[in-house]
N, C-alpha and C. Protein backbone atom coordinates (compact mmCIF):
# COMPACT_ATOMS: atom_id res chain seq x y z
N MET A 1 0.83 -1.20 0.00
CA MET A 1 0.00 0.00 0.00
C MET A 1 0.87 1.25 0.00
N ILE A 2 0.59 2.16 -0.92
CA ILE A 2 1.35 3.40 -1.02
C ILE A 2 0.66 4.45 -0.15
N ARG A 3 1.38 4.95 0.84
CA ARG A 3 0.84 5.93 1.78
C ARG A 3 1.12 7.34 1.24
N THR A 4 0.06 8.11 1.01
CA THR A 4 0.22 9.40 0.36
C THR A 4 -0.23 10.55 1.25
N MET A 5 0.28 11.75 0.92
CA MET A 5 -0.14 12.99 1.57
C MET A 5 -0.46 14.01 0.48
N ILE A 6 -1.54 14.76 0.66
CA ILE A 6 -1.94 15.81 -0.27
C ILE A 6 -1.68 17.15 0.38
N VAL A 7 -0.92 18.01 -0.31
CA VAL A 7 -0.56 19.32 0.23
C VAL A 7 -1.04 20.39 -0.74
N ASP A 8 -2.10 21.10 -0.38
CA ASP A 8 -2.66 22.13 -1.26
C ASP A 8 -3.51 23.06 -0.41
N ASP A 9 -3.44 24.37 -0.68
CA ASP A 9 -4.21 25.32 0.12
C ASP A 9 -5.67 25.40 -0.31
N ASP A 10 -6.02 24.76 -1.41
CA ASP A 10 -7.40 24.74 -1.89
C ASP A 10 -8.10 23.48 -1.38
N ALA A 11 -9.08 23.67 -0.51
CA ALA A 11 -9.77 22.53 0.11
C ALA A 11 -10.46 21.66 -0.93
N LEU A 12 -11.00 22.27 -1.98
CA LEU A 12 -11.68 21.50 -3.01
C LEU A 12 -10.70 20.63 -3.79
N VAL A 13 -9.50 21.14 -4.03
CA VAL A 13 -8.46 20.35 -4.71
C VAL A 13 -8.08 19.16 -3.83
N ARG A 14 -7.90 19.43 -2.53
CA ARG A 14 -7.56 18.33 -1.62
C ARG A 14 -8.65 17.27 -1.62
N LEU A 15 -9.89 17.71 -1.58
CA LEU A 15 -11.01 16.78 -1.56
C LEU A 15 -11.05 15.94 -2.83
N GLY A 16 -10.86 16.58 -3.98
CA GLY A 16 -10.90 15.86 -5.24
C GLY A 16 -9.76 14.86 -5.37
N LEU A 17 -8.56 15.27 -4.97
CA LEU A 17 -7.42 14.36 -5.04
C LEU A 17 -7.57 13.20 -4.07
N ALA A 18 -8.07 13.48 -2.87
CA ALA A 18 -8.27 12.41 -1.88
C ALA A 18 -9.27 11.38 -2.39
N ASP A 19 -10.34 11.86 -3.01
CA ASP A 19 -11.36 10.96 -3.56
C ASP A 19 -10.75 10.09 -4.66
N LEU A 20 -9.92 10.71 -5.51
CA LEU A 20 -9.29 9.98 -6.60
C LEU A 20 -8.32 8.93 -6.07
N LEU A 21 -7.43 9.34 -5.18
CA LEU A 21 -6.40 8.43 -4.68
C LEU A 21 -6.99 7.29 -3.86
N ASP A 22 -7.99 7.60 -3.03
CA ASP A 22 -8.60 6.56 -2.21
C ASP A 22 -9.37 5.55 -3.04
N GLY A 23 -9.67 5.90 -4.30
CA GLY A 23 -10.36 4.96 -5.18
C GLY A 23 -9.44 3.91 -5.77
N ASP A 24 -8.14 4.06 -5.56
CA ASP A 24 -7.15 3.09 -6.03
C ASP A 24 -6.83 2.13 -4.89
N GLU A 25 -7.00 0.84 -5.13
CA GLU A 25 -6.79 -0.15 -4.07
C GLU A 25 -5.37 -0.17 -3.55
N GLY A 26 -4.42 0.33 -4.33
CA GLY A 26 -3.03 0.28 -3.89
C GLY A 26 -2.53 1.57 -3.24
N ILE A 27 -3.44 2.54 -3.07
CA ILE A 27 -3.06 3.85 -2.53
C ILE A 27 -3.94 4.20 -1.33
N GLU A 28 -3.32 4.78 -0.32
CA GLU A 28 -4.05 5.23 0.86
C GLU A 28 -3.64 6.67 1.18
N VAL A 29 -4.60 7.55 1.37
CA VAL A 29 -4.32 8.92 1.79
C VAL A 29 -4.27 8.93 3.31
N VAL A 30 -3.09 9.18 3.85
CA VAL A 30 -2.93 9.13 5.31
C VAL A 30 -2.80 10.51 5.93
N ALA A 31 -2.61 11.56 5.11
CA ALA A 31 -2.48 12.90 5.65
C ALA A 31 -2.81 13.94 4.60
N GLN A 32 -3.27 15.11 5.06
CA GLN A 32 -3.51 16.25 4.20
C GLN A 32 -2.97 17.49 4.89
N ALA A 33 -2.57 18.48 4.10
CA ALA A 33 -2.03 19.72 4.66
C ALA A 33 -2.41 20.88 3.76
N ALA A 34 -2.62 22.06 4.37
CA ALA A 34 -3.02 23.24 3.62
C ALA A 34 -1.85 24.14 3.25
N ASP A 35 -0.66 23.83 3.76
CA ASP A 35 0.53 24.60 3.41
C ASP A 35 1.77 23.78 3.77
N GLY A 36 2.93 24.35 3.45
CA GLY A 36 4.17 23.61 3.66
C GLY A 36 4.48 23.29 5.10
N LEU A 37 4.17 24.21 6.01
CA LEU A 37 4.44 23.96 7.43
C LEU A 37 3.64 22.78 7.94
N GLN A 38 2.36 22.73 7.57
CA GLN A 38 1.53 21.59 7.97
C GLN A 38 2.05 20.30 7.34
N ALA A 39 2.57 20.40 6.13
CA ALA A 39 3.10 19.22 5.45
C ALA A 39 4.28 18.63 6.22
N ILE A 40 5.17 19.48 6.70
CA ILE A 40 6.32 19.00 7.48
C ILE A 40 5.83 18.32 8.75
N GLU A 41 4.86 18.94 9.41
CA GLU A 41 4.31 18.36 10.64
C GLU A 41 3.70 16.99 10.37
N GLN A 42 2.91 16.89 9.30
CA GLN A 42 2.25 15.63 8.98
C GLN A 42 3.26 14.55 8.58
N ALA A 43 4.27 14.94 7.81
CA ALA A 43 5.28 13.96 7.38
C ALA A 43 6.14 13.49 8.54
N THR A 44 6.24 14.30 9.57
CA THR A 44 6.98 13.90 10.78
C THR A 44 6.15 12.95 11.62
N ALA A 45 4.84 13.17 11.61
CA ALA A 45 3.93 12.35 12.43
C ALA A 45 3.54 11.05 11.75
N HIS A 46 3.57 11.01 10.43
CA HIS A 46 3.14 9.83 9.69
C HIS A 46 4.24 9.37 8.73
N ARG A 47 4.23 8.09 8.42
CA ARG A 47 5.13 7.61 7.37
C ARG A 47 4.46 7.86 6.03
N ILE A 48 5.08 8.70 5.22
CA ILE A 48 4.54 9.07 3.92
C ILE A 48 5.44 8.51 2.83
N ASP A 49 4.86 7.83 1.87
CA ASP A 49 5.64 7.33 0.73
C ASP A 49 5.72 8.36 -0.39
N VAL A 50 4.59 8.97 -0.71
CA VAL A 50 4.53 9.95 -1.80
C VAL A 50 3.69 11.14 -1.36
N ALA A 51 4.24 12.35 -1.51
CA ALA A 51 3.50 13.57 -1.21
C ALA A 51 3.22 14.32 -2.50
N LEU A 52 1.97 14.71 -2.71
CA LEU A 52 1.59 15.55 -3.85
C LEU A 52 1.53 16.97 -3.33
N VAL A 53 2.42 17.83 -3.81
CA VAL A 53 2.62 19.14 -3.21
C VAL A 53 2.36 20.27 -4.21
N ASP A 54 1.46 21.18 -3.85
CA ASP A 54 1.19 22.36 -4.66
C ASP A 54 2.41 23.29 -4.60
N VAL A 55 2.53 24.16 -5.60
CA VAL A 55 3.66 25.09 -5.62
C VAL A 55 3.37 26.34 -4.80
N ARG A 56 2.27 27.00 -5.11
CA ARG A 56 1.96 28.28 -4.47
C ARG A 56 1.02 28.07 -3.29
N MET A 57 1.55 28.31 -2.08
CA MET A 57 0.77 28.15 -0.86
C MET A 57 1.21 29.21 0.15
N PRO A 58 0.34 29.57 1.10
CA PRO A 58 0.72 30.54 2.13
C PRO A 58 1.69 29.92 3.15
N ARG A 59 2.30 30.80 3.93
CA ARG A 59 3.21 30.43 5.03
C ARG A 59 4.48 29.75 4.53
N MET A 60 4.37 28.59 3.90
CA MET A 60 5.53 27.93 3.30
C MET A 60 5.13 27.37 1.95
N ASP A 61 5.82 27.81 0.89
CA ASP A 61 5.46 27.36 -0.46
C ASP A 61 5.94 25.94 -0.72
N GLY A 62 5.54 25.42 -1.87
CA GLY A 62 5.86 24.04 -2.20
C GLY A 62 7.33 23.78 -2.44
N ILE A 63 8.06 24.78 -2.89
CA ILE A 63 9.49 24.60 -3.14
C ILE A 63 10.23 24.39 -1.84
N THR A 64 9.99 25.30 -0.89
CA THR A 64 10.63 25.17 0.42
C THR A 64 10.19 23.89 1.11
N ALA A 65 8.89 23.58 0.98
CA ALA A 65 8.38 22.36 1.60
C ALA A 65 9.05 21.12 1.03
N THR A 66 9.29 21.12 -0.28
CA THR A 66 9.95 19.97 -0.91
C THR A 66 11.36 19.79 -0.34
N THR A 67 12.10 20.87 -0.23
CA THR A 67 13.44 20.80 0.35
C THR A 67 13.40 20.24 1.76
N ARG A 68 12.45 20.72 2.55
CA ARG A 68 12.33 20.28 3.94
C ARG A 68 11.88 18.82 4.01
N LEU A 69 10.94 18.44 3.17
CA LEU A 69 10.47 17.05 3.17
C LEU A 69 11.58 16.09 2.79
N ARG A 70 12.37 16.45 1.78
CA ARG A 70 13.44 15.58 1.31
C ARG A 70 14.57 15.48 2.33
N ALA A 71 14.63 16.41 3.27
CA ALA A 71 15.68 16.39 4.29
C ALA A 71 15.29 15.61 5.53
N LEU A 72 14.07 15.11 5.59
CA LEU A 72 13.62 14.34 6.75
C LEU A 72 14.36 13.00 6.83
N PRO A 73 14.44 12.42 8.01
CA PRO A 73 15.13 11.12 8.16
C PRO A 73 14.55 10.03 7.25
N HIS A 74 13.23 10.05 7.07
CA HIS A 74 12.58 9.10 6.17
C HIS A 74 11.78 9.91 5.14
N PRO A 75 12.47 10.47 4.15
CA PRO A 75 11.83 11.42 3.24
C PRO A 75 10.83 10.77 2.29
N PRO A 76 9.69 11.41 2.10
CA PRO A 76 8.74 10.91 1.09
C PRO A 76 9.20 11.31 -0.30
N LYS A 77 8.77 10.58 -1.30
CA LYS A 77 8.91 11.03 -2.66
C LYS A 77 7.96 12.22 -2.84
N VAL A 78 8.30 13.13 -3.75
CA VAL A 78 7.47 14.32 -3.93
C VAL A 78 7.08 14.48 -5.39
N ILE A 79 5.79 14.66 -5.63
CA ILE A 79 5.28 15.05 -6.94
C ILE A 79 4.76 16.48 -6.81
N THR A 80 5.32 17.39 -7.57
CA THR A 80 4.89 18.78 -7.53
C THR A 80 3.66 18.97 -8.42
N LEU A 81 2.69 19.70 -7.93
CA LEU A 81 1.48 20.02 -8.69
C LEU A 81 1.50 21.50 -9.06
N THR A 82 1.07 21.82 -10.25
CA THR A 82 1.02 23.22 -10.66
C THR A 82 -0.11 23.44 -11.66
N THR A 83 -0.57 24.67 -11.73
CA THR A 83 -1.59 25.04 -12.70
C THR A 83 -0.96 25.38 -14.04
N PHE A 84 0.29 25.84 -14.02
CA PHE A 84 0.95 26.33 -15.23
C PHE A 84 2.11 25.45 -15.63
N ASP A 85 2.18 25.07 -16.90
CA ASP A 85 3.24 24.19 -17.34
C ASP A 85 4.55 24.93 -17.58
N LEU A 86 4.51 26.26 -17.69
CA LEU A 86 5.74 27.03 -17.82
C LEU A 86 5.91 27.88 -16.56
N ASP A 87 6.25 27.24 -15.50
CA ASP A 87 6.32 27.89 -14.20
C ASP A 87 7.71 27.65 -13.62
N GLU A 88 8.50 28.72 -13.48
CA GLU A 88 9.87 28.55 -12.99
C GLU A 88 9.91 27.95 -11.61
N TYR A 89 8.83 28.12 -10.83
CA TYR A 89 8.81 27.55 -9.50
C TYR A 89 8.81 26.03 -9.55
N VAL A 90 8.23 25.46 -10.58
CA VAL A 90 8.23 24.00 -10.70
C VAL A 90 9.64 23.49 -10.95
N TYR A 91 10.39 24.18 -11.83
CA TYR A 91 11.78 23.79 -12.03
C TYR A 91 12.53 23.84 -10.71
N ASN A 92 12.32 24.90 -9.94
CA ASN A 92 13.00 25.02 -8.66
C ASN A 92 12.62 23.87 -7.73
N ALA A 93 11.37 23.44 -7.79
CA ALA A 93 10.95 22.31 -6.95
C ALA A 93 11.64 21.03 -7.38
N LEU A 94 11.77 20.83 -8.70
CA LEU A 94 12.47 19.64 -9.19
C LEU A 94 13.93 19.67 -8.75
N ALA A 95 14.54 20.84 -8.86
CA ALA A 95 15.93 20.96 -8.44
C ALA A 95 16.08 20.75 -6.95
N ALA A 96 15.01 21.02 -6.19
CA ALA A 96 15.05 20.85 -4.74
C ALA A 96 14.87 19.39 -4.34
N GLY A 97 14.51 18.53 -5.30
CA GLY A 97 14.41 17.11 -4.98
C GLY A 97 13.10 16.44 -5.32
N ALA A 98 12.16 17.17 -5.94
CA ALA A 98 10.91 16.53 -6.34
C ALA A 98 11.19 15.48 -7.41
N ASP A 99 10.39 14.44 -7.40
CA ASP A 99 10.58 13.33 -8.34
C ASP A 99 9.78 13.51 -9.62
N GLY A 100 9.06 14.62 -9.72
CA GLY A 100 8.33 14.89 -10.93
C GLY A 100 7.30 15.97 -10.71
N PHE A 101 6.58 16.32 -11.77
CA PHE A 101 5.49 17.27 -11.59
C PHE A 101 4.37 16.96 -12.55
N LEU A 102 3.18 17.37 -12.13
CA LEU A 102 1.98 17.18 -12.92
C LEU A 102 1.20 18.48 -12.98
N LEU A 103 0.49 18.69 -14.07
CA LEU A 103 -0.46 19.79 -14.11
C LEU A 103 -1.73 19.33 -13.38
N LYS A 104 -2.40 20.29 -12.78
CA LYS A 104 -3.59 19.93 -12.01
C LYS A 104 -4.73 19.40 -12.89
N ASP A 105 -4.67 19.69 -14.19
CA ASP A 105 -5.71 19.16 -15.07
C ASP A 105 -5.29 17.87 -15.76
N THR A 106 -4.22 17.23 -15.23
CA THR A 106 -3.78 15.94 -15.76
C THR A 106 -4.90 14.91 -15.63
N ASP A 107 -5.01 14.03 -16.62
CA ASP A 107 -6.02 12.97 -16.57
C ASP A 107 -5.90 12.18 -15.27
N PRO A 108 -7.01 11.91 -14.60
CA PRO A 108 -6.97 11.19 -13.32
C PRO A 108 -6.17 9.89 -13.37
N ALA A 109 -6.30 9.14 -14.46
CA ALA A 109 -5.57 7.88 -14.58
C ALA A 109 -4.06 8.12 -14.58
N GLU A 110 -3.63 9.24 -15.17
CA GLU A 110 -2.21 9.57 -15.19
C GLU A 110 -1.71 9.99 -13.82
N ILE A 111 -2.56 10.63 -13.03
CA ILE A 111 -2.17 10.99 -11.67
C ILE A 111 -1.93 9.72 -10.85
N LEU A 112 -2.83 8.76 -10.99
CA LEU A 112 -2.67 7.50 -10.27
C LEU A 112 -1.41 6.77 -10.75
N ARG A 113 -1.19 6.78 -12.05
CA ARG A 113 0.01 6.15 -12.61
C ARG A 113 1.27 6.82 -12.07
N ALA A 114 1.22 8.14 -11.94
CA ALA A 114 2.38 8.88 -11.44
C ALA A 114 2.71 8.47 -10.01
N VAL A 115 1.70 8.34 -9.18
CA VAL A 115 1.93 7.95 -7.79
C VAL A 115 2.58 6.57 -7.73
N HIS A 116 2.10 5.64 -8.53
CA HIS A 116 2.68 4.30 -8.54
C HIS A 116 4.12 4.32 -9.07
N LEU A 117 4.36 5.06 -10.15
CA LEU A 117 5.71 5.12 -10.72
C LEU A 117 6.71 5.75 -9.76
N VAL A 118 6.32 6.87 -9.17
CA VAL A 118 7.23 7.57 -8.26
C VAL A 118 7.49 6.72 -7.02
N ALA A 119 6.47 6.07 -6.51
CA ALA A 119 6.65 5.20 -5.34
C ALA A 119 7.62 4.07 -5.64
N ALA A 120 7.65 3.64 -6.91
CA ALA A 120 8.54 2.54 -7.31
C ALA A 120 9.96 3.02 -7.66
N GLY A 121 10.16 4.35 -7.61
CA GLY A 121 11.50 4.86 -7.85
C GLY A 121 11.72 5.52 -9.19
N SER A 122 10.66 5.63 -10.00
CA SER A 122 10.79 6.30 -11.29
C SER A 122 10.38 7.77 -11.15
N ALA A 123 10.60 8.53 -12.21
CA ALA A 123 10.15 9.92 -12.24
C ALA A 123 8.91 10.01 -13.11
N MET A 124 8.13 11.07 -12.89
CA MET A 124 6.93 11.27 -13.69
C MET A 124 6.80 12.75 -13.99
N LEU A 125 7.11 13.14 -15.19
CA LEU A 125 7.01 14.53 -15.60
C LEU A 125 5.97 14.67 -16.69
N HIS A 126 5.18 15.71 -16.63
CA HIS A 126 4.22 15.97 -17.70
C HIS A 126 5.00 16.02 -19.01
N PRO A 127 4.67 15.21 -20.00
CA PRO A 127 5.55 14.98 -21.15
C PRO A 127 5.95 16.22 -21.94
N THR A 128 5.01 17.11 -22.23
CA THR A 128 5.39 18.27 -23.04
C THR A 128 5.90 19.41 -22.18
N ALA A 129 5.28 19.60 -21.04
CA ALA A 129 5.69 20.71 -20.17
C ALA A 129 7.08 20.49 -19.62
N ALA A 130 7.44 19.25 -19.34
CA ALA A 130 8.75 18.97 -18.75
C ALA A 130 9.87 19.44 -19.67
N ARG A 131 9.78 19.11 -20.94
CA ARG A 131 10.84 19.49 -21.86
C ARG A 131 10.92 21.02 -22.01
N ARG A 132 9.76 21.67 -22.12
CA ARG A 132 9.77 23.12 -22.28
C ARG A 132 10.30 23.80 -21.02
N LEU A 133 9.92 23.25 -19.87
CA LEU A 133 10.35 23.83 -18.61
C LEU A 133 11.86 23.76 -18.45
N ILE A 134 12.42 22.58 -18.69
CA ILE A 134 13.86 22.42 -18.56
C ILE A 134 14.60 23.27 -19.59
N ASP A 135 14.09 23.29 -20.81
CA ASP A 135 14.73 24.10 -21.85
C ASP A 135 14.75 25.58 -21.48
N ARG A 136 13.66 26.05 -20.91
CA ARG A 136 13.54 27.49 -20.64
C ARG A 136 14.28 27.92 -19.38
N TYR A 137 14.23 27.12 -18.34
CA TYR A 137 14.76 27.57 -17.05
C TYR A 137 16.05 26.89 -16.62
N HIS A 138 16.59 26.00 -17.45
CA HIS A 138 17.85 25.36 -17.09
C HIS A 138 18.89 25.65 -18.16
N ALA A 139 19.15 26.92 -18.39
CA ALA A 139 20.14 27.33 -19.38
C ALA A 139 21.53 26.91 -18.93
N THR A 140 22.23 26.23 -19.82
CA THR A 140 23.55 25.73 -19.48
C THR A 140 24.58 26.85 -19.50
N ASN A 141 25.47 26.86 -18.50
CA ASN A 141 26.60 27.76 -18.55
C ASN A 141 27.87 26.96 -18.37
N GLN A 142 29.02 27.56 -18.58
CA GLN A 142 30.27 26.82 -18.58
C GLN A 142 30.59 26.12 -17.25
N PRO A 143 30.47 26.82 -16.10
CA PRO A 143 30.75 26.12 -14.84
C PRO A 143 29.86 24.91 -14.63
N GLN A 144 28.56 25.05 -14.92
CA GLN A 144 27.65 23.92 -14.77
C GLN A 144 28.04 22.79 -15.71
N ALA A 145 28.35 23.13 -16.94
CA ALA A 145 28.70 22.12 -17.93
C ALA A 145 29.96 21.37 -17.53
N ALA A 146 30.95 22.10 -17.03
CA ALA A 146 32.22 21.47 -16.63
C ALA A 146 32.01 20.51 -15.47
N THR A 147 31.22 20.95 -14.49
CA THR A 147 30.94 20.10 -13.33
C THR A 147 30.18 18.85 -13.75
N ALA A 148 29.16 19.06 -14.58
CA ALA A 148 28.35 17.94 -15.03
C ALA A 148 29.19 16.94 -15.83
N GLN A 149 30.03 17.44 -16.74
CA GLN A 149 30.84 16.56 -17.57
C GLN A 149 31.82 15.76 -16.72
N ALA A 150 32.38 16.39 -15.70
CA ALA A 150 33.32 15.69 -14.82
C ALA A 150 32.62 14.53 -14.11
N ARG A 151 31.38 14.74 -13.72
CA ARG A 151 30.65 13.67 -13.05
C ARG A 151 30.24 12.57 -14.04
N LEU A 152 29.86 12.97 -15.24
CA LEU A 152 29.50 11.96 -16.24
C LEU A 152 30.70 11.11 -16.62
N ASP A 153 31.90 11.66 -16.50
CA ASP A 153 33.10 10.90 -16.81
C ASP A 153 33.30 9.71 -15.86
N ARG A 154 32.59 9.73 -14.73
CA ARG A 154 32.67 8.61 -13.78
C ARG A 154 31.88 7.39 -14.25
N LEU A 155 31.02 7.60 -15.25
CA LEU A 155 30.12 6.53 -15.70
C LEU A 155 30.77 5.65 -16.76
N THR A 156 30.34 4.40 -16.79
CA THR A 156 30.76 3.49 -17.85
C THR A 156 29.95 3.83 -19.11
N PRO A 157 30.39 3.37 -20.29
CA PRO A 157 29.61 3.62 -21.50
C PRO A 157 28.17 3.13 -21.40
N ARG A 158 27.97 1.97 -20.76
CA ARG A 158 26.62 1.44 -20.63
C ARG A 158 25.77 2.33 -19.72
N GLU A 159 26.37 2.82 -18.66
CA GLU A 159 25.65 3.70 -17.75
C GLU A 159 25.27 5.01 -18.45
N ARG A 160 26.13 5.48 -19.33
CA ARG A 160 25.80 6.69 -20.10
C ARG A 160 24.61 6.43 -21.03
N ASP A 161 24.55 5.21 -21.60
CA ASP A 161 23.41 4.84 -22.44
C ASP A 161 22.12 4.88 -21.62
N VAL A 162 22.19 4.32 -20.42
CA VAL A 162 21.01 4.30 -19.54
C VAL A 162 20.62 5.72 -19.16
N LEU A 163 21.61 6.54 -18.83
CA LEU A 163 21.33 7.92 -18.44
C LEU A 163 20.68 8.71 -19.58
N ALA A 164 21.14 8.49 -20.80
CA ALA A 164 20.58 9.21 -21.94
C ALA A 164 19.09 8.90 -22.10
N LEU A 165 18.71 7.64 -21.90
CA LEU A 165 17.30 7.27 -22.01
C LEU A 165 16.52 7.75 -20.80
N LEU A 166 17.12 7.67 -19.63
CA LEU A 166 16.49 8.18 -18.41
C LEU A 166 16.18 9.66 -18.57
N ALA A 167 17.13 10.40 -19.16
CA ALA A 167 16.96 11.85 -19.34
C ALA A 167 15.84 12.18 -20.31
N ARG A 168 15.49 11.22 -21.18
CA ARG A 168 14.36 11.42 -22.11
C ARG A 168 13.03 11.20 -21.42
N GLY A 169 13.07 10.64 -20.21
CA GLY A 169 11.85 10.35 -19.49
C GLY A 169 11.42 8.91 -19.56
N ASP A 170 12.27 8.03 -20.12
CA ASP A 170 11.92 6.61 -20.23
C ASP A 170 11.86 5.97 -18.85
N THR A 171 10.93 5.04 -18.67
CA THR A 171 10.85 4.27 -17.44
C THR A 171 11.90 3.16 -17.46
N ASN A 172 12.07 2.50 -16.32
CA ASN A 172 13.01 1.37 -16.27
C ASN A 172 12.63 0.29 -17.27
N ALA A 173 11.33 0.06 -17.41
CA ALA A 173 10.87 -0.96 -18.36
C ALA A 173 11.20 -0.55 -19.79
N ASP A 174 11.01 0.74 -20.11
CA ASP A 174 11.34 1.24 -21.45
C ASP A 174 12.82 1.05 -21.74
N ILE A 175 13.64 1.41 -20.76
CA ILE A 175 15.10 1.32 -20.94
C ILE A 175 15.52 -0.13 -21.12
N ALA A 176 14.92 -1.02 -20.34
CA ALA A 176 15.25 -2.44 -20.44
C ALA A 176 14.95 -2.97 -21.84
N THR A 177 13.82 -2.54 -22.39
CA THR A 177 13.44 -2.98 -23.73
C THR A 177 14.40 -2.44 -24.79
N ARG A 178 14.71 -1.16 -24.70
CA ARG A 178 15.56 -0.52 -25.70
C ARG A 178 16.99 -1.04 -25.68
N LEU A 179 17.48 -1.35 -24.47
CA LEU A 179 18.87 -1.78 -24.34
C LEU A 179 19.01 -3.29 -24.18
N ALA A 180 17.90 -4.01 -24.31
CA ALA A 180 17.90 -5.47 -24.24
C ALA A 180 18.56 -5.98 -22.97
N MET A 181 18.08 -5.49 -21.84
CA MET A 181 18.58 -5.97 -20.56
C MET A 181 17.41 -6.16 -19.60
N ARG A 182 17.67 -6.82 -18.50
CA ARG A 182 16.62 -7.04 -17.52
C ARG A 182 16.32 -5.74 -16.78
N GLU A 183 15.07 -5.62 -16.34
CA GLU A 183 14.70 -4.41 -15.61
C GLU A 183 15.48 -4.30 -14.30
N SER A 184 15.77 -5.42 -13.67
CA SER A 184 16.56 -5.40 -12.44
C SER A 184 17.96 -4.85 -12.70
N THR A 185 18.51 -5.15 -13.88
CA THR A 185 19.82 -4.63 -14.26
C THR A 185 19.75 -3.12 -14.46
N VAL A 186 18.66 -2.66 -15.08
CA VAL A 186 18.47 -1.22 -15.27
C VAL A 186 18.42 -0.52 -13.92
N LYS A 187 17.69 -1.09 -12.97
CA LYS A 187 17.58 -0.49 -11.64
C LYS A 187 18.96 -0.38 -10.98
N ALA A 188 19.77 -1.41 -11.17
CA ALA A 188 21.12 -1.38 -10.60
C ALA A 188 21.94 -0.28 -11.25
N HIS A 189 21.82 -0.14 -12.56
CA HIS A 189 22.53 0.93 -13.27
C HIS A 189 22.08 2.30 -12.78
N VAL A 190 20.76 2.48 -12.63
CA VAL A 190 20.24 3.78 -12.19
C VAL A 190 20.76 4.12 -10.80
N SER A 191 20.77 3.16 -9.91
CA SER A 191 21.29 3.39 -8.57
C SER A 191 22.75 3.83 -8.61
N ARG A 192 23.54 3.16 -9.43
CA ARG A 192 24.95 3.50 -9.58
C ARG A 192 25.10 4.90 -10.20
N ILE A 193 24.26 5.24 -11.17
CA ILE A 193 24.32 6.55 -11.82
C ILE A 193 24.03 7.66 -10.81
N LEU A 194 23.00 7.49 -10.00
CA LEU A 194 22.66 8.52 -9.00
C LEU A 194 23.81 8.73 -8.02
N THR A 195 24.44 7.64 -7.63
CA THR A 195 25.58 7.74 -6.70
C THR A 195 26.75 8.46 -7.37
N ALA A 196 27.07 8.06 -8.59
CA ALA A 196 28.21 8.65 -9.30
C ALA A 196 28.02 10.14 -9.58
N LEU A 197 26.79 10.52 -9.87
CA LEU A 197 26.50 11.92 -10.19
C LEU A 197 26.26 12.75 -8.94
N ASP A 198 26.16 12.09 -7.80
CA ASP A 198 25.91 12.77 -6.52
C ASP A 198 24.59 13.53 -6.56
N VAL A 199 23.54 12.85 -7.03
CA VAL A 199 22.20 13.42 -7.06
C VAL A 199 21.26 12.46 -6.33
N THR A 200 20.06 12.96 -6.01
CA THR A 200 19.15 12.15 -5.21
C THR A 200 18.04 11.48 -5.99
N ASN A 201 17.78 11.92 -7.23
CA ASN A 201 16.70 11.30 -7.98
C ASN A 201 16.93 11.42 -9.48
N ARG A 202 16.04 10.81 -10.25
CA ARG A 202 16.18 10.72 -11.70
C ARG A 202 16.06 12.10 -12.37
N VAL A 203 15.23 12.96 -11.81
CA VAL A 203 15.07 14.29 -12.41
C VAL A 203 16.37 15.06 -12.37
N GLN A 204 17.03 15.05 -11.20
CA GLN A 204 18.30 15.76 -11.08
C GLN A 204 19.36 15.13 -11.98
N ALA A 205 19.32 13.82 -12.14
CA ALA A 205 20.26 13.15 -13.06
C ALA A 205 20.00 13.61 -14.49
N ALA A 206 18.72 13.76 -14.86
CA ALA A 206 18.38 14.22 -16.20
C ALA A 206 18.86 15.65 -16.44
N LEU A 207 18.73 16.50 -15.44
CA LEU A 207 19.21 17.87 -15.56
C LEU A 207 20.72 17.91 -15.74
N MET A 208 21.42 17.05 -15.02
CA MET A 208 22.87 17.02 -15.14
C MET A 208 23.30 16.49 -16.51
N ALA A 209 22.56 15.52 -17.02
CA ALA A 209 22.84 15.01 -18.37
C ALA A 209 22.69 16.11 -19.40
N ARG A 210 21.67 16.96 -19.21
CA ARG A 210 21.46 18.08 -20.13
C ARG A 210 22.59 19.09 -20.01
N ASP A 211 23.03 19.38 -18.78
CA ASP A 211 24.15 20.30 -18.58
C ASP A 211 25.39 19.83 -19.32
N ALA A 212 25.62 18.52 -19.28
CA ALA A 212 26.83 17.96 -19.87
C ALA A 212 26.70 17.79 -21.38
N GLY A 213 25.53 18.08 -21.93
CA GLY A 213 25.34 17.96 -23.37
C GLY A 213 25.02 16.56 -23.84
N LEU A 214 24.65 15.67 -22.88
CA LEU A 214 24.33 14.29 -23.28
C LEU A 214 22.99 14.25 -24.00
N THR A 215 22.09 15.18 -23.70
CA THR A 215 20.80 15.26 -24.35
C THR A 215 20.61 16.67 -24.87
N THR A 216 19.67 16.81 -25.78
CA THR A 216 19.37 18.14 -26.33
C THR A 216 17.90 18.45 -26.18
């Protein structure tokens, strides 16, 4: 059972998401919060696997909340929610450690799929908005590129192949099919890649791959 928390200052949004998530037999909503401060309190009091966090909230916004949640002893995975697909705050949330983001008008089935994927260790980014967001707000500069390239040099050729597909948004199953390897082998490669790049999740690895010029 995936234990989830909904963090949004709009009570109707929380109600709708709770109804959706509780309708999935593999998901349980164990906490709700109206802002980032309440989210930290709830995540400290409950074991949370995946938190769906709004960006714009009073008292503590979703970006700060994501940083704080990811710093907890038992950090939940974080999916950032936003109304706008070209929102610099969402990029900042991803850089802070979120495992993906969704638009609030995303198809309900895709929201459920995102929770399952993120809980299993994959990333889930809105397919078109993710690319535009990274392109617009993650402009490469020389220091970033040099640092990223130095870290990518730690990878084996096969790990670079995996990273290139990961950076495109492919799931472990997709990568396994494309590279003709077992999914368990892909998971092992991804774990090694995250360690070598000194990042905490697939999104940050994808951003570093872009900095190094591995993807366009």
